[in-house]
Amino acid sequence: MTVNKNKSGRGGTRRGAGRKKGIPNRFTTSMKEAIRDAFQELGGAGYLVRIGHDDPRTFCSLLGRVIPREVGGPDGEPIKVQNVSDLELARRLGFILARGGDDVL
């Protein structure tokens, strides 16, 4: 005998019921679109810069929500940390800048 977990005694698990796997919730999708539209209307990245200057606490709170909490190396391996001398660090930065990596800094 199958026990119905639904307290009302109706419904229950039915094959094919509900959203198919991988289909996003319509409300979530429309909410994300509305937030994106409002962000663009407020000035996009320029708006975030203003928030960063005017209210750094709010800006840092936002950063804490969008920056990954854990960062991994290639293929999910732990990041290897090396102690590098100031001279070696300067050499590496010079190499990056020499090949056109101005946007790194």
Protein backbone atom coordinates (compact mmCIF):
# COMPACT_ATOMS: atom_id res chain seq x y z
CA MET A 1 0.00 0.00 0.00
CA THR A 2 1.32 3.46 -0.93
CA VAL A 3 1.22 6.15 1.72
CA ASN A 4 0.14 9.58 0.45
CA LYS A 5 2.40 12.25 1.98
CA ASN A 6 0.01 15.06 1.06
CA LYS A 7 -2.01 15.98 4.18
CA SER A 8 -5.09 16.98 2.18
CA GLY A 9 -5.38 13.46 0.83
CA ARG A 10 -5.37 14.73 -2.74
CA GLY A 11 -2.66 15.18 -5.32
CA GLY A 12 0.67 13.73 -4.36
CA THR A 13 3.53 12.67 -6.56
CA ARG A 14 2.50 12.25 -10.15
CA ARG A 15 4.78 11.32 -12.97
CA GLY A 16 5.40 14.38 -15.16
CA ALA A 17 4.01 16.84 -12.59
CA GLY A 18 5.81 20.13 -12.03
CA ARG A 19 8.50 21.95 -13.95
CA LYS A 20 10.92 19.91 -16.01
CA LYS A 21 14.50 19.81 -14.78
CA GLY A 22 16.54 22.77 -16.01
CA ILE A 23 13.54 25.01 -16.78
CA PRO A 24 13.92 28.28 -14.83
CA ASN A 25 11.15 29.61 -12.63
CA ARG A 26 9.24 32.32 -14.56
CA PHE A 27 9.04 34.61 -11.54
CA THR A 28 12.79 34.40 -10.93
CA THR A 29 13.52 35.08 -14.59
CA SER A 30 11.19 38.08 -14.76
CA MET A 31 12.57 39.45 -11.47
CA LYS A 32 16.14 39.22 -12.76
CA GLU A 33 15.11 41.03 -15.95
CA ALA A 34 13.42 43.80 -13.93
CA ILE A 35 16.51 44.26 -11.75
CA ARG A 36 18.72 44.35 -14.86
CA ASP A 37 16.45 46.97 -16.48
CA ALA A 38 16.43 49.13 -13.33
CA PHE A 39 20.22 48.87 -13.11
CA GLN A 40 20.58 50.11 -16.69
CA GLU A 41 18.10 52.93 -16.12
CA LEU A 42 20.05 54.08 -13.04
CA GLY A 43 23.25 54.33 -15.05
CA GLY A 44 24.75 50.83 -15.06
CA ALA A 45 28.38 50.72 -13.97
CA GLY A 46 28.39 54.49 -13.35
CA TYR A 47 25.66 53.98 -10.76
CA LEU A 48 27.82 51.43 -8.95
CA VAL A 49 30.76 53.84 -8.97
CA ARG A 50 28.56 56.52 -7.37
CA ILE A 51 27.39 54.03 -4.73
CA GLY A 52 31.02 53.10 -4.07
CA HIS A 53 31.90 56.75 -3.43
CA ASP A 54 28.73 57.80 -1.60
CA ASP A 55 28.04 54.67 0.44
CA PRO A 56 31.08 52.36 0.63
CA ARG A 57 29.40 50.12 3.22
CA THR A 58 26.54 49.27 0.86
CA PHE A 59 28.97 48.81 -2.04
CA CYS A 60 31.14 46.39 -0.04
CA SER A 61 28.04 44.48 1.02
CA LEU A 62 27.14 44.08 -2.66
CA LEU A 63 30.67 42.93 -3.48
CA GLY A 64 30.44 40.32 -0.75
CA ARG A 65 27.38 38.88 -2.47
CA VAL A 66 28.78 38.68 -5.99
CA ILE A 67 32.43 37.74 -5.45
CA PRO A 68 32.93 33.97 -5.12
CA ARG A 69 33.52 32.85 -1.54
CA GLU A 70 35.96 30.18 -2.61
CA VAL A 71 38.51 30.50 -5.36
CA GLY A 72 40.21 27.47 -6.80
CA GLY A 73 43.06 26.81 -9.12
CA PRO A 74 42.90 25.01 -12.46
CA ASP A 75 40.54 22.02 -12.49
CA GLY A 76 39.28 22.90 -8.99
CA GLU A 77 42.62 22.20 -7.36
CA PRO A 78 43.74 24.35 -4.41
CA ILE A 79 45.65 27.50 -5.26
CA LYS A 80 49.39 27.10 -4.78
CA VAL A 81 50.83 29.98 -2.78
CA GLN A 82 54.48 30.89 -3.21
CA ASN A 83 56.58 33.32 -1.24
CA VAL A 84 58.05 35.69 -3.80
CA SER A 85 60.72 38.29 -3.14
CA ASP A 86 60.04 41.93 -3.96
CA LEU A 87 62.56 41.72 -6.79
CA GLU A 88 60.82 38.66 -8.31
CA LEU A 89 57.41 40.31 -7.94
CA ALA A 90 58.68 43.44 -9.73
CA ARG A 91 60.15 41.26 -12.49
CA ARG A 92 56.84 39.42 -12.99
CA LEU A 93 54.82 42.65 -13.01
CA GLY A 94 57.25 44.15 -15.52
CA PHE A 95 56.78 41.11 -17.74
CA ILE A 96 52.98 41.40 -17.58
CA LEU A 97 53.05 45.13 -18.36
CA ALA A 98 55.58 44.67 -21.17
CA ARG A 99 53.27 42.32 -23.03
CA GLY A 100 50.38 44.78 -22.80
CA GLY A 101 48.69 43.80 -19.53
CA ASP A 102 47.91 47.38 -18.51
CA ASP A 103 44.41 46.37 -17.40
CA VAL A 104 45.81 43.95 -14.80
CA LEU A 105 46.64 46.69 -12.35
